[in-house]
C-alpha atoms as a PDB file:
ATOM      1  CA  UNK A   1    -182.873-181.765 -16.809  1.00  0.00           C
ATOM      2  CA  UNK A   2    -184.313-179.167 -14.561  1.00  0.00           C
ATOM      3  CA  UNK A   3    -181.578-177.201 -12.275  1.00  0.00           C
ATOM      4  CA  UNK A   4    -182.098-177.409  -8.649  1.00  0.00           C
ATOM      5  CA  UNK A   5    -183.783-174.141  -8.009  1.00  0.00           C
ATOM      6  CA  UNK A   6    -185.919-174.895 -10.665  1.00  0.00           C
ATOM      7  CA  UNK A   7    -187.198-178.003  -9.566  1.00  0.00           C
ATOM      8  CA  UNK A   8    -188.656-176.036  -6.782  1.00  0.00           C
ATOM      9  CA  UNK A   9    -191.583-174.764  -9.176  1.00  0.00           C
ATOM     10  CA  UNK A  10    -194.713-176.108  -7.346  1.00  0.00           C
ATOM     11  CA  UNK A  11    -196.890-174.823 -10.111  1.00  0.00           C
ATOM     12  CA  UNK A  12    -198.695-172.206  -8.390  1.00  0.00           C
ATOM     13  CA  UNK A  13    -195.978-169.399  -7.712  1.00  0.00           C
ATOM     14  CA  UNK A  14    -193.343-168.191 -10.259  1.00  0.00           C
ATOM     15  CA  UNK A  15    -189.780-169.167  -9.083  1.00  0.00           C
ATOM     16  CA  UNK A  16    -188.478-165.706 -10.815  1.00  0.00           C
ATOM     17  CA  UNK A  17    -190.354-162.574 -11.376  1.00  0.00           C
ATOM     18  CA  UNK A  18    -189.067-160.592 -14.534  1.00  0.00           C
ATOM     19  CA  UNK A  19    -189.622-156.504 -14.316  1.00  0.00           C
ATOM     20  CA  UNK A  20    -189.857-154.911 -17.517  1.00  0.00           C
ATOM     21  CA  UNK A  21    -191.282-151.679 -19.078  1.00  0.00           C
ATOM     22  CA  UNK A  22    -194.394-152.078 -20.937  1.00  0.00           C
ATOM     23  CA  UNK A  23    -193.667-150.981 -24.585  1.00  0.00           C
ATOM     24  CA  UNK A  24    -194.301-153.561 -27.138  1.00  0.00           C
ATOM     25  CA  UNK A  25    -190.394-154.261 -27.703  1.00  0.00           C
ATOM     26  CA  UNK A  26    -189.688-154.161 -23.760  1.00  0.00           C
ATOM     27  CA  UNK A  27    -192.141-156.989 -23.375  1.00  0.00           C
ATOM     28  CA  UNK A  28    -191.113-158.724 -26.751  1.00  0.00           C
ATOM     29  CA  UNK A  29    -187.489-158.595 -24.833  1.00  0.00           C
ATOM     30  CA  UNK A  30    -189.088-159.661 -21.742  1.00  0.00           C
ATOM     31  CA  UNK A  31    -190.740-162.477 -23.522  1.00  0.00           C
ATOM     32  CA  UNK A  32    -187.754-163.707 -24.741  1.00  0.00           C
ATOM     33  CA  UNK A  33    -185.850-163.967 -21.708  1.00  0.00           C
ATOM     34  CA  UNK A  34    -188.878-165.877 -20.204  1.00  0.00           C
ATOM     35  CA  UNK A  35    -188.713-168.409 -23.200  1.00  0.00           C
ATOM     36  CA  UNK A  36    -185.202-168.902 -22.789  1.00  0.00           C
ATOM     37  CA  UNK A  37    -185.358-169.669 -19.184  1.00  0.00           C
ATOM     38  CA  UNK A  38    -188.337-172.432 -19.913  1.00  0.00           C
ATOM     39  CA  UNK A  39    -186.091-173.613 -22.231  1.00  0.00           C
ATOM     40  CA  UNK A  40    -183.088-174.245 -20.563  1.00  0.00           C
ATOM     41  CA  UNK A  41    -184.728-175.509 -17.305  1.00  0.00           C
ATOM     42  CA  UNK A  42    -187.776-177.060 -19.006  1.00  0.00           C
ATOM     43  CA  UNK A  43    -190.179-175.300 -17.252  1.00  0.00           C
ATOM     44  CA  UNK A  44    -193.626-173.958 -17.970  1.00  0.00           C
ATOM     45  CA  UNK A  45    -194.520-170.069 -18.972  1.00  0.00           C
ATOM     46  CA  UNK A  46    -196.112-169.942 -14.985  1.00  0.00           C
ATOM     47  CA  UNK A  47    -192.690-170.434 -13.796  1.00  0.00           C
ATOM     48  CA  UNK A  48    -191.670-167.130 -14.695  1.00  0.00           C
ATOM     49  CA  UNK A  49    -194.213-164.171 -14.370  1.00  0.00           C
ATOM     50  CA  UNK A  50    -193.330-160.928 -16.470  1.00  0.00           C
ATOM     51  CA  UNK A  51    -194.319-157.758 -14.211  1.00  0.00           C
ATOM     52  CA  UNK A  52    -194.779-154.312 -15.972  1.00  0.00           C
ATOM     53  CA  UNK A  53    -193.347-151.431 -14.487  1.00  0.00           C
ATOM     54  CA  UNK A  54    -193.970-147.637 -15.647  1.00  0.00           C
ATOM     55  CA  UNK A  55    -191.029-145.706 -15.846  1.00  0.00           C
ATOM     56  CA  UNK A  56    -190.321-141.850 -16.395  1.00  0.00           C
ATOM     57  CA  UNK A  57    -188.907-142.145 -19.434  1.00  0.00           C
ATOM     58  CA  UNK A  58    -192.561-143.636 -20.598  1.00  0.00           C
ATOM     59  CA  UNK A  59    -194.568-141.049 -19.148  1.00  0.00           C
ATOM     60  CA  UNK A  60    -192.509-137.818 -20.368  1.00  0.00           C
ATOM     61  CA  UNK A  61    -192.986-137.796 -24.158  1.00  0.00           C
ATOM     62  CA  UNK A  62    -192.537-134.209 -25.181  1.00  0.00           C
ATOM     63  CA  UNK A  63    -188.933-133.437 -24.165  1.00  0.00           C
ATOM     64  CA  UNK A  64    -185.773-134.735 -25.426  1.00  0.00           C
ATOM     65  CA  UNK A  65    -184.403-137.064 -22.693  1.00  0.00           C
ATOM     66  CA  UNK A  66    -181.195-135.340 -22.113  1.00  0.00           C
ATOM     67  CA  UNK A  67    -183.507-132.287 -20.263  1.00  0.00           C
ATOM     68  CA  UNK A  68    -185.013-134.704 -17.969  1.00  0.00           C
ATOM     69  CA  UNK A  69    -182.136-136.578 -16.750  1.00  0.00           C
ATOM     70  CA  UNK A  70    -181.007-139.281 -19.384  1.00  0.00           C
ATOM     71  CA  UNK A  71    -180.963-142.892 -19.395  1.00  0.00           C
ATOM     72  CA  UNK A  72    -181.729-143.766 -16.075  1.00  0.00           C
ATOM     73  CA  UNK A  73    -185.302-142.442 -16.754  1.00  0.00           C
ATOM     74  CA  UNK A  74    -186.086-145.913 -18.522  1.00  0.00           C
ATOM     75  CA  UNK A  75    -184.398-147.712 -15.451  1.00  0.00           C
ATOM     76  CA  UNK A  76    -184.879-146.406 -11.851  1.00  0.00           C
ATOM     77  CA  UNK A  77    -188.307-147.244 -11.418  1.00  0.00           C
ATOM     78  CA  UNK A  78    -187.933-150.717 -12.032  1.00  0.00           C
ATOM     79  CA  UNK A  79    -184.459-150.871 -10.152  1.00  0.00           C
ATOM     80  CA  UNK A  80    -186.213-149.297  -7.401  1.00  0.00           C
ATOM     81  CA  UNK A  81    -188.491-152.252  -7.629  1.00  0.00           C
ATOM     82  CA  UNK A  82    -186.221-154.860  -7.561  1.00  0.00           C
ATOM     83  CA  UNK A  83    -184.434-153.325  -4.508  1.00  0.00           C
ATOM     84  CA  UNK A  84    -187.614-153.307  -2.525  1.00  0.00           C
ATOM     85  CA  UNK A  85    -188.196-157.150  -3.446  1.00  0.00           C
ATOM     86  CA  UNK A  86    -191.216-156.645  -5.591  1.00  0.00           C
ATOM     87  CA  UNK A  87    -189.396-158.514  -8.745  1.00  0.00           C
ATOM     88  CA  UNK A  88    -186.131-160.514  -8.898  1.00  0.00           C
ATOM     89  CA  UNK A  89    -184.725-159.534 -12.297  1.00  0.00           C
ATOM     90  CA  UNK A  90    -185.083-156.566 -14.720  1.00  0.00           C
ATOM     91  CA  UNK A  91    -184.427-157.007 -18.463  1.00  0.00           C
ATOM     92  CA  UNK A  92    -183.012-153.890 -20.016  1.00  0.00           C
ATOM     93  CA  UNK A  93    -182.025-152.744 -23.552  1.00  0.00           C
ATOM     94  CA  UNK A  94    -178.246-152.628 -22.991  1.00  0.00           C
ATOM     95  CA  UNK A  95    -178.130-149.032 -24.762  1.00  0.00           C
ATOM     96  CA  UNK A  96    -181.016-147.718 -22.299  1.00  0.00           C
ATOM     97  CA  UNK A  97    -178.367-148.940 -19.161  1.00  0.00           C
ATOM     98  CA  UNK A  98    -176.607-145.989 -17.518  1.00  0.00           C
ATOM     99  CA  UNK A  99    -172.586-146.884 -16.535  1.00  0.00           C
ATOM    100  CA  UNK A 100    -173.559-146.424 -12.951  1.00  0.00           C
ATOM    101  CA  UNK A 101    -175.530-148.758 -11.292  1.00  0.00           C
ATOM    102  CA  UNK A 102    -177.528-148.143  -7.918  1.00  0.00           C
ATOM    103  CA  UNK A 103    -175.624-150.174  -4.906  1.00  0.00           C
ATOM    104  CA  UNK A 104    -176.381-153.632  -4.690  1.00  0.00           C
ATOM    105  CA  UNK A 105    -177.640-154.099  -8.324  1.00  0.00           C
ATOM    106  CA  UNK A 106    -175.403-155.686 -11.286  1.00  0.00           C
ATOM    107  CA  UNK A 107    -175.789-156.603 -15.067  1.00  0.00           C
ATOM    108  CA  UNK A 108    -175.325-160.450 -14.269  1.00  0.00           C
ATOM    109  CA  UNK A 109    -176.557-161.975 -17.818  1.00  0.00           C
ATOM    110  CA  UNK A 110    -176.734-160.808 -21.570  1.00  0.00           C
ATOM    111  CA  UNK A 111    -178.330-162.598 -23.972  1.00  0.00           C
ATOM    112  CA  UNK A 112    -177.009-163.084 -27.520  1.00  0.00           C
ATOM    113  CA  UNK A 113    -176.771-159.677 -29.415  1.00  0.00           C
ATOM    114  CA  UNK A 114    -179.003-159.351 -32.336  1.00  0.00           C
ATOM    115  CA  UNK A 115    -178.322-157.198 -35.636  1.00  0.00           C
ATOM    116  CA  UNK A 116    -176.273-154.111 -33.981  1.00  0.00           C
ATOM    117  CA  UNK A 117    -177.133-151.554 -37.260  1.00  0.00           C
ATOM    118  CA  UNK A 118    -179.699-148.761 -37.617  1.00  0.00           C
ATOM    119  CA  UNK A 119    -182.281-148.889 -40.270  1.00  0.00           C
ATOM    120  CA  UNK A 120    -183.478-146.221 -42.205  1.00  0.00           C
ATOM    121  CA  UNK A 121    -187.384-145.859 -42.766  1.00  0.00           C
ATOM    122  CA  UNK A 122    -188.824-143.761 -45.345  1.00  0.00           C
ATOM    123  CA  UNK A 123    -191.324-143.580 -48.166  1.00  0.00           C
ATOM    124  CA  UNK A 124    -189.367-140.941 -50.266  1.00  0.00           C
ATOM    125  CA  UNK A 125    -185.989-141.969 -50.533  1.00  0.00           C
ATOM    126  CA  UNK A 126    -184.339-145.491 -50.470  1.00  0.00           C
ATOM    127  CA  UNK A 127    -181.287-144.146 -48.117  1.00  0.00           C
ATOM    128  CA  UNK A 128    -180.454-141.451 -46.214  1.00  0.00           C
ATOM    129  CA  UNK A 129    -178.069-139.779 -49.041  1.00  0.00           C
ATOM    130  CA  UNK A 130    -181.110-140.311 -51.174  1.00  0.00           C
ATOM    131  CA  UNK A 131    -183.707-137.993 -49.334  1.00  0.00           C
ATOM    132  CA  UNK A 132    -184.211-134.510 -51.055  1.00  0.00           C
ATOM    133  CA  UNK A 133    -182.653-131.336 -49.882  1.00  0.00           C
ATOM    134  CA  UNK A 134    -184.763-129.729 -46.931  1.00  0.00           C
ATOM    135  CA  UNK A 135    -186.135-133.161 -45.932  1.00  0.00           C
ATOM    136  CA  UNK A 136    -187.010-133.626 -42.251  1.00  0.00           C
ATOM    137  CA  UNK A 137    -185.675-136.638 -40.370  1.00  0.00           C
ATOM    138  CA  UNK A 138    -187.190-137.293 -36.859  1.00  0.00           C
ATOM    139  CA  UNK A 139    -184.936-138.790 -34.217  1.00  0.00           C
ATOM    140  CA  UNK A 140    -184.828-139.241 -30.833  1.00  0.00           C
ATOM    141  CA  UNK A 141    -181.296-140.323 -30.238  1.00  0.00           C
ATOM    142  CA  UNK A 142    -178.947-137.590 -29.821  1.00  0.00           C
ATOM    143  CA  UNK A 143    -176.349-139.951 -31.815  1.00  0.00           C
ATOM    144  CA  UNK A 144    -178.290-140.499 -34.762  1.00  0.00           C
ATOM    145  CA  UNK A 145    -179.320-136.816 -34.870  1.00  0.00           C
ATOM    146  CA  UNK A 146    -175.543-135.432 -34.963  1.00  0.00           C
ATOM    147  CA  UNK A 147    -174.533-138.440 -37.358  1.00  0.00           C
ATOM    148  CA  UNK A 148    -177.285-137.498 -39.909  1.00  0.00           C
ATOM    149  CA  UNK A 149    -176.163-133.837 -39.586  1.00  0.00           C
ATOM    150  CA  UNK A 150    -172.498-134.908 -40.243  1.00  0.00           C
ATOM    151  CA  UNK A 151    -174.029-137.118 -43.344  1.00  0.00           C
ATOM    152  CA  UNK A 152    -176.527-134.744 -44.161  1.00  0.00           C
ATOM    153  CA  UNK A 153    -176.039-130.860 -43.283  1.00  0.00           C
ATOM    154  CA  UNK A 154    -178.416-129.669 -45.647  1.00  0.00           C
ATOM    155  CA  UNK A 155    -181.452-131.580 -43.944  1.00  0.00           C
ATOM    156  CA  UNK A 156    -183.499-130.702 -40.763  1.00  0.00           C
ATOM    157  CA  UNK A 157    -183.211-132.810 -37.821  1.00  0.00           C
ATOM    158  CA  UNK A 158    -185.891-133.069 -35.046  1.00  0.00           C
ATOM    159  CA  UNK A 159    -186.537-134.587 -32.101  1.00  0.00           C
ATOM    160  CA  UNK A 160    -189.088-137.244 -32.220  1.00  0.00           C
ATOM    161  CA  UNK A 161    -189.918-139.097 -29.150  1.00  0.00           C
ATOM    162  CA  UNK A 162    -192.514-142.175 -28.910  1.00  0.00           C
ATOM    163  CA  UNK A 163    -192.236-146.156 -29.024  1.00  0.00           C
ATOM    164  CA  UNK A 164    -191.634-147.889 -32.335  1.00  0.00           C
ATOM    165  CA  UNK A 165    -195.226-147.505 -33.154  1.00  0.00           C
ATOM    166  CA  UNK A 166    -195.757-143.796 -32.469  1.00  0.00           C
ATOM    167  CA  UNK A 167    -193.123-143.185 -34.398  1.00  0.00           C
ATOM    168  CA  UNK A 168    -193.791-145.142 -37.346  1.00  0.00           C
ATOM    169  CA  UNK A 169    -197.503-143.611 -37.047  1.00  0.00           C
ATOM    170  CA  UNK A 170    -195.931-140.162 -37.312  1.00  0.00           C
ATOM    171  CA  UNK A 171    -193.965-141.068 -40.315  1.00  0.00           C
ATOM    172  CA  UNK A 172    -197.343-142.539 -42.130  1.00  0.00           C
ATOM    173  CA  UNK A 173    -199.065-139.165 -40.815  1.00  0.00           C
ATOM    174  CA  UNK A 174    -196.569-137.086 -43.019  1.00  0.00           C
ATOM    175  CA  UNK A 175    -194.744-135.160 -39.638  1.00  0.00           C
ATOM    176  CA  UNK A 176    -191.499-136.450 -40.916  1.00  0.00           C
ATOM    177  CA  UNK A 177    -189.898-137.659 -44.200  1.00  0.00           C
ATOM    178  CA  UNK A 178    -188.008-140.075 -42.047  1.00  0.00           C
ATOM    179  CA  UNK A 179    -186.646-141.644 -39.451  1.00  0.00           C
ATOM    180  CA  UNK A 180    -184.110-144.181 -37.901  1.00  0.00           C
ATOM    181  CA  UNK A 181    -184.662-147.137 -35.405  1.00  0.00           C
ATOM    182  CA  UNK A 182    -182.563-149.789 -34.432  1.00  0.00           C
ATOM    183  CA  UNK A 183    -182.970-152.866 -36.525  1.00  0.00           C
ATOM    184  CA  UNK A 184    -182.671-155.235 -33.759  1.00  0.00           C
ATOM    185  CA  UNK A 185    -186.079-153.811 -32.008  1.00  0.00           C
ATOM    186  CA  UNK A 186    -187.782-153.913 -35.574  1.00  0.00           C
ATOM    187  CA  UNK A 187    -186.767-157.904 -35.681  1.00  0.00           C
ATOM    188  CA  UNK A 188    -187.661-158.483 -32.318  1.00  0.00           C
ATOM    189  CA  UNK A 189    -191.060-156.907 -32.908  1.00  0.00           C
ATOM    190  CA  UNK A 190    -191.302-159.170 -36.496  1.00  0.00           C
ATOM    191  CA  UNK A 191    -191.569-155.695 -38.238  1.00  0.00           C
ATOM    192  CA  UNK A 192    -188.223-155.918 -40.234  1.00  0.00           C
ATOM    193  CA  UNK A 193    -190.301-155.260 -43.131  1.00  0.00           C
ATOM    194  CA  UNK A 194    -190.898-151.750 -42.788  1.00  0.00           C
ATOM    195  CA  UNK A 195    -187.565-151.137 -43.135  1.00  0.00           C
ATOM    196  CA  UNK A 196    -186.509-149.059 -46.155  1.00  0.00           C
ATOM    197  CA  UNK A 197    -182.749-149.788 -45.822  1.00  0.00           C
ATOM    198  CA  UNK A 198    -180.274-150.959 -43.563  1.00  0.00           C
ATOM    199  CA  UNK A 199    -177.083-148.587 -42.712  1.00  0.00           C
ATOM    200  CA  UNK A 200    -173.516-150.577 -42.170  1.00  0.00           C
ATOM    201  CA  UNK A 201    -171.483-149.464 -38.959  1.00  0.00           C
ATOM    202  CA  UNK A 202    -168.793-148.673 -41.088  1.00  0.00           C
ATOM    203  CA  UNK A 203    -171.068-145.622 -42.192  1.00  0.00           C
ATOM    204  CA  UNK A 204    -173.103-145.166 -39.037  1.00  0.00           C
ATOM    205  CA  UNK A 205    -171.721-146.238 -35.750  1.00  0.00           C
ATOM    206  CA  UNK A 206    -174.248-147.669 -33.339  1.00  0.00           C
ATOM    207  CA  UNK A 207    -174.976-146.784 -29.691  1.00  0.00           C
ATOM    208  CA  UNK A 208    -173.256-148.538 -27.129  1.00  0.00           C
ATOM    209  CA  UNK A 209    -174.826-151.829 -26.428  1.00  0.00           C
ATOM    210  CA  UNK A 210    -177.170-151.564 -29.516  1.00  0.00           C
ATOM    211  CA  UNK A 211    -178.859-155.159 -30.150  1.00  0.00           C
ATOM    212  CA  UNK A 212    -178.146-156.108 -26.703  1.00  0.00           C
ATOM    213  CA  UNK A 213    -180.841-157.435 -24.153  1.00  0.00           C
ATOM    214  CA  UNK A 214    -179.235-157.419 -20.536  1.00  0.00           C
ATOM    215  CA  UNK A 215    -180.410-158.462 -17.423  1.00  0.00           C
ATOM    216  CA  UNK A 216    -180.083-156.835 -14.267  1.00  0.00           C
ATOM    217  CA  UNK A 217    -180.664-158.511 -10.745  1.00  0.00           C
ATOM    218  CA  UNK A 218    -179.515-157.821  -6.746  1.00  0.00           C
ATOM    219  CA  UNK A 219    -175.800-159.046  -6.481  1.00  0.00           C
ATOM    220  CA  UNK A 220    -176.363-161.135  -3.563  1.00  0.00           C
ATOM    221  CA  UNK A 221    -179.341-163.026  -5.572  1.00  0.00           C
ATOM    222  CA  UNK A 222    -177.359-166.208  -5.807  1.00  0.00           C
ATOM    223  CA  UNK A 223    -180.710-168.032  -6.841  1.00  0.00           C
ATOM    224  CA  UNK A 224    -181.557-165.780  -9.623  1.00  0.00           C
ATOM    225  CA  UNK A 225    -177.826-165.925 -10.764  1.00  0.00           C
ATOM    226  CA  UNK A 226    -178.448-170.052 -11.198  1.00  0.00           C
ATOM    227  CA  UNK A 227    -181.250-169.766 -13.004  1.00  0.00           C
ATOM    228  CA  UNK A 228    -179.847-167.507 -15.016  1.00  0.00           C
ATOM    229  CA  UNK A 229    -176.481-168.850 -16.103  1.00  0.00           C
ATOM    230  CA  UNK A 230    -177.459-171.032 -18.506  1.00  0.00           C
ATOM    231  CA  UNK A 231    -178.891-168.114 -20.753  1.00  0.00           C
ATOM    232  CA  UNK A 232    -175.894-166.244 -20.898  1.00  0.00           C
ATOM    233  CA  UNK A 233    -173.994-165.212 -23.612  1.00  0.00           C
ATOM    234  CA  UNK A 234    -170.159-164.742 -22.918  1.00  0.00           C
ATOM    235  CA  UNK A 235    -169.303-163.183 -26.482  1.00  0.00           C
ATOM    236  CA  UNK A 236    -172.008-160.804 -25.853  1.00  0.00           C
ATOM    237  CA  UNK A 237    -170.403-159.698 -22.408  1.00  0.00           C
ATOM    238  CA  UNK A 238    -166.945-159.357 -23.904  1.00  0.00           C
ATOM    239  CA  UNK A 239    -168.233-156.996 -26.452  1.00  0.00           C
ATOM    240  CA  UNK A 240    -170.150-154.898 -23.875  1.00  0.00           C
ATOM    241  CA  UNK A 241    -167.304-154.739 -21.688  1.00  0.00           C
ATOM    242  CA  UNK A 242    -165.210-152.829 -23.868  1.00  0.00           C
ATOM    243  CA  UNK A 243    -168.385-150.748 -24.976  1.00  0.00           C
ATOM    244  CA  UNK A 244    -169.823-149.868 -21.574  1.00  0.00           C
ATOM    245  CA  UNK A 245    -165.608-149.382 -20.043  1.00  0.00           C
ATOM    246  CA  UNK A 246    -165.766-146.780 -23.213  1.00  0.00           C
ATOM    247  CA  UNK A 247    -168.854-145.228 -22.328  1.00  0.00           C
ATOM    248  CA  UNK A 248    -167.772-145.023 -18.354  1.00  0.00           C
ATOM    249  CA  UNK A 249    -164.923-142.820 -19.378  1.00  0.00           C
ATOM    250  CA  UNK A 250    -166.845-140.584 -21.492  1.00  0.00           C
ATOM    251  CA  UNK A 251    -169.520-139.875 -18.954  1.00  0.00           C
ATOM    252  CA  UNK A 252    -171.716-140.942 -21.456  1.00  0.00           C
ATOM    253  CA  UNK A 253    -175.468-140.641 -21.222  1.00  0.00           C
ATOM    254  CA  UNK A 254    -178.594-139.275 -23.690  1.00  0.00           C
ATOM    255  CA  UNK A 255    -176.748-135.969 -23.360  1.00  0.00           C
ATOM    256  CA  UNK A 256    -173.810-136.881 -25.276  1.00  0.00           C
ATOM    257  CA  UNK A 257    -173.337-137.993 -29.181  1.00  0.00           C
ATOM    258  CA  UNK A 258    -171.135-141.539 -28.830  1.00  0.00           C
ATOM    259  CA  UNK A 259    -170.899-144.780 -31.105  1.00  0.00           C
ATOM    260  CA  UNK A 260    -169.168-147.690 -29.962  1.00  0.00           C
ATOM    261  CA  UNK A 261    -168.843-151.114 -31.168  1.00  0.00           C
ATOM    262  CA  UNK A 262    -166.899-154.002 -30.138  1.00  0.00           C
ATOM    263  CA  UNK A 263    -166.724-157.070 -32.653  1.00  0.00           C
ATOM    264  CA  UNK A 264    -164.796-160.678 -31.763  1.00  0.00           C
ATOM    265  CA  UNK A 265    -162.795-162.162 -34.684  1.00  0.00           C
ATOM    266  CA  UNK A 266    -161.699-165.423 -33.432  1.00  0.00           C
ATOM    267  CA  UNK A 267    -159.605-164.620 -30.255  1.00  0.00           C
ATOM    268  CA  UNK A 268    -159.181-160.930 -30.910  1.00  0.00           C
ATOM    269  CA  UNK A 269    -161.368-158.168 -30.470  1.00  0.00           C
ATOM    270  CA  UNK A 270    -161.791-155.211 -32.353  1.00  0.00           C
ATOM    271  CA  UNK A 271    -163.600-151.912 -31.281  1.00  0.00           C
ATOM    272  CA  UNK A 272    -164.065-148.679 -32.726  1.00  0.00           C
ATOM    273  CA  UNK A 273    -165.440-145.336 -30.904  1.00  0.00           C
ATOM    274  CA  UNK A 274    -166.288-142.269 -31.719  1.00  0.00           C
ATOM    275  CA  UNK A 275    -167.513-139.048 -30.160  1.00  0.00           C
ATOM    276  CA  UNK A 276    -169.279-135.984 -31.955  1.00  0.00           C
ATOM    277  CA  UNK A 277    -170.371-132.416 -31.588  1.00  0.00           C
ATOM    278  CA  UNK A 278    -174.239-132.321 -31.406  1.00  0.00           C
ATOM    279  CA  UNK A 279    -174.038-130.661 -34.707  1.00  0.00           C
ATOM    280  CA  UNK A 280    -171.901-133.280 -36.478  1.00  0.00           C
ATOM    281  CA  UNK A 281    -169.289-130.661 -37.534  1.00  0.00           C
ATOM    282  CA  UNK A 282    -166.476-132.021 -35.603  1.00  0.00           C
ATOM    283  CA  UNK A 283    -165.678-135.798 -34.988  1.00  0.00           C
ATOM    284  CA  UNK A 284    -163.061-137.348 -33.606  1.00  0.00           C
ATOM    285  CA  UNK A 285    -162.863-141.283 -33.796  1.00  0.00           C
ATOM    286  CA  UNK A 286    -160.316-144.257 -32.541  1.00  0.00           C
ATOM    287  CA  UNK A 287    -160.020-147.739 -32.889  1.00  0.00           C
ATOM    288  CA  UNK A 288    -158.643-150.957 -30.718  1.00  0.00           C
ATOM    289  CA  UNK A 289    -157.758-154.230 -31.292  1.00  0.00           C
ATOM    290  CA  UNK A 290    -156.295-156.781 -28.970  1.00  0.00           C
ATOM    291  CA  UNK A 291    -157.017-159.820 -26.760  1.00  0.00           C
ATOM    292  CA  UNK A 292    -160.640-160.902 -25.492  1.00  0.00           C
ATOM    293  CA  UNK A 293    -158.841-160.579 -22.023  1.00  0.00           C
ATOM    294  CA  UNK A 294    -158.363-156.730 -22.711  1.00  0.00           C
ATOM    295  CA  UNK A 295    -161.735-155.975 -23.488  1.00  0.00           C
ATOM    296  CA  UNK A 296    -162.398-153.602 -20.732  1.00  0.00           C
ATOM    297  CA  UNK A 297    -159.115-152.118 -20.895  1.00  0.00           C
ATOM    298  CA  UNK A 298    -159.271-151.271 -24.427  1.00  0.00           C
ATOM    299  CA  UNK A 299    -162.511-149.742 -23.982  1.00  0.00           C
ATOM    300  CA  UNK A 300    -161.165-147.631 -21.080  1.00  0.00           C
ATOM    301  CA  UNK A 301    -157.836-146.697 -23.288  1.00  0.00           C
ATOM    302  CA  UNK A 302    -160.177-145.454 -26.161  1.00  0.00           C
ATOM    303  CA  UNK A 303    -162.180-143.188 -23.922  1.00  0.00           C
ATOM    304  CA  UNK A 304    -158.926-141.471 -22.646  1.00  0.00           C
ATOM    305  CA  UNK A 305    -158.020-141.106 -26.056  1.00  0.00           C
ATOM    306  CA  UNK A 306    -161.200-139.541 -27.094  1.00  0.00           C
ATOM    307  CA  UNK A 307    -161.622-137.620 -24.191  1.00  0.00           C
ATOM    308  CA  UNK A 308    -158.237-135.953 -24.396  1.00  0.00           C
ATOM    309  CA  UNK A 309    -158.676-135.075 -28.061  1.00  0.00           C
ATOM    310  CA  UNK A 310    -162.131-133.527 -27.249  1.00  0.00           C
ATOM    311  CA  UNK A 311    -160.460-131.233 -24.561  1.00  0.00           C
ATOM    312  CA  UNK A 312    -162.644-129.628 -22.286  1.00  0.00           C
ATOM    313  CA  UNK A 313    -166.311-128.440 -23.017  1.00  0.00           C
ATOM    314  CA  UNK A 314    -166.162-130.657 -26.366  1.00  0.00           C
ATOM    315  CA  UNK A 315    -170.107-131.664 -25.748  1.00  0.00           C
ATOM    316  CA  UNK A 316    -171.050-128.307 -24.930  1.00  0.00           C
ATOM    317  CA  UNK A 317    -170.139-126.851 -28.467  1.00  0.00           C
END
């Protein structure tokens, strides 16, 4: 049964304009969002227009994100288009989202979370532990770089930018011996077959928000919210409330090696977080368990704990 707002589709003009980056993964996420909206409202594809917006993060490929502005490089142009009224919603990877959003914009919807694990990909070894001494691993993530160095201080870690296809081509060309990517992204691209092995969160804590698609909208756009409500996943929202609160306290961005994961077991939420120095040699970990209603507070408390234990200047070591 169509909602009131969905019923306003006249067959010509879209009722919702969806902003996204243009990478294959970003488009897969936007198309998943559109498909869920089509199913929820019994509407054709033409009711939901996907608009590609090129971001600074896509243009800058020769430097680490930490040197040129961090996570906001993947969102600011899309958010500017939303503020200007050129799009109605934006589909993002939650792990790319800064903890502070532009005034008037909010994360209003989460889709059901995919697999949170990191994937190890290599033609030379089955696991990270099996790589030969002195192997070279490529990663653009400071978290992954620090955790690789923690597990294997004997191997070389190099910064490795580009979309999924670019990174896999570099691997095939022998630029590096191995790389790590989010398993969720590979699954969304129907490329899970390239994975050599997956790394369990107990051994390699994922990034905050990994595997979760979030949807951003203008805070006063009640029509967009009404369309999105049926596809919102409450469990993912609760987990991300804890993870993003944790990140906010730590002022987390692409400049800081941070991992955090919340999971739900019945009416309980379990959270685990850690911070590392970029060389992986110093690590502080913490965990919390409590009621679902306390998710954000648990995340904040865990962040305060690690911030105190790390002390001033921890991330500049």
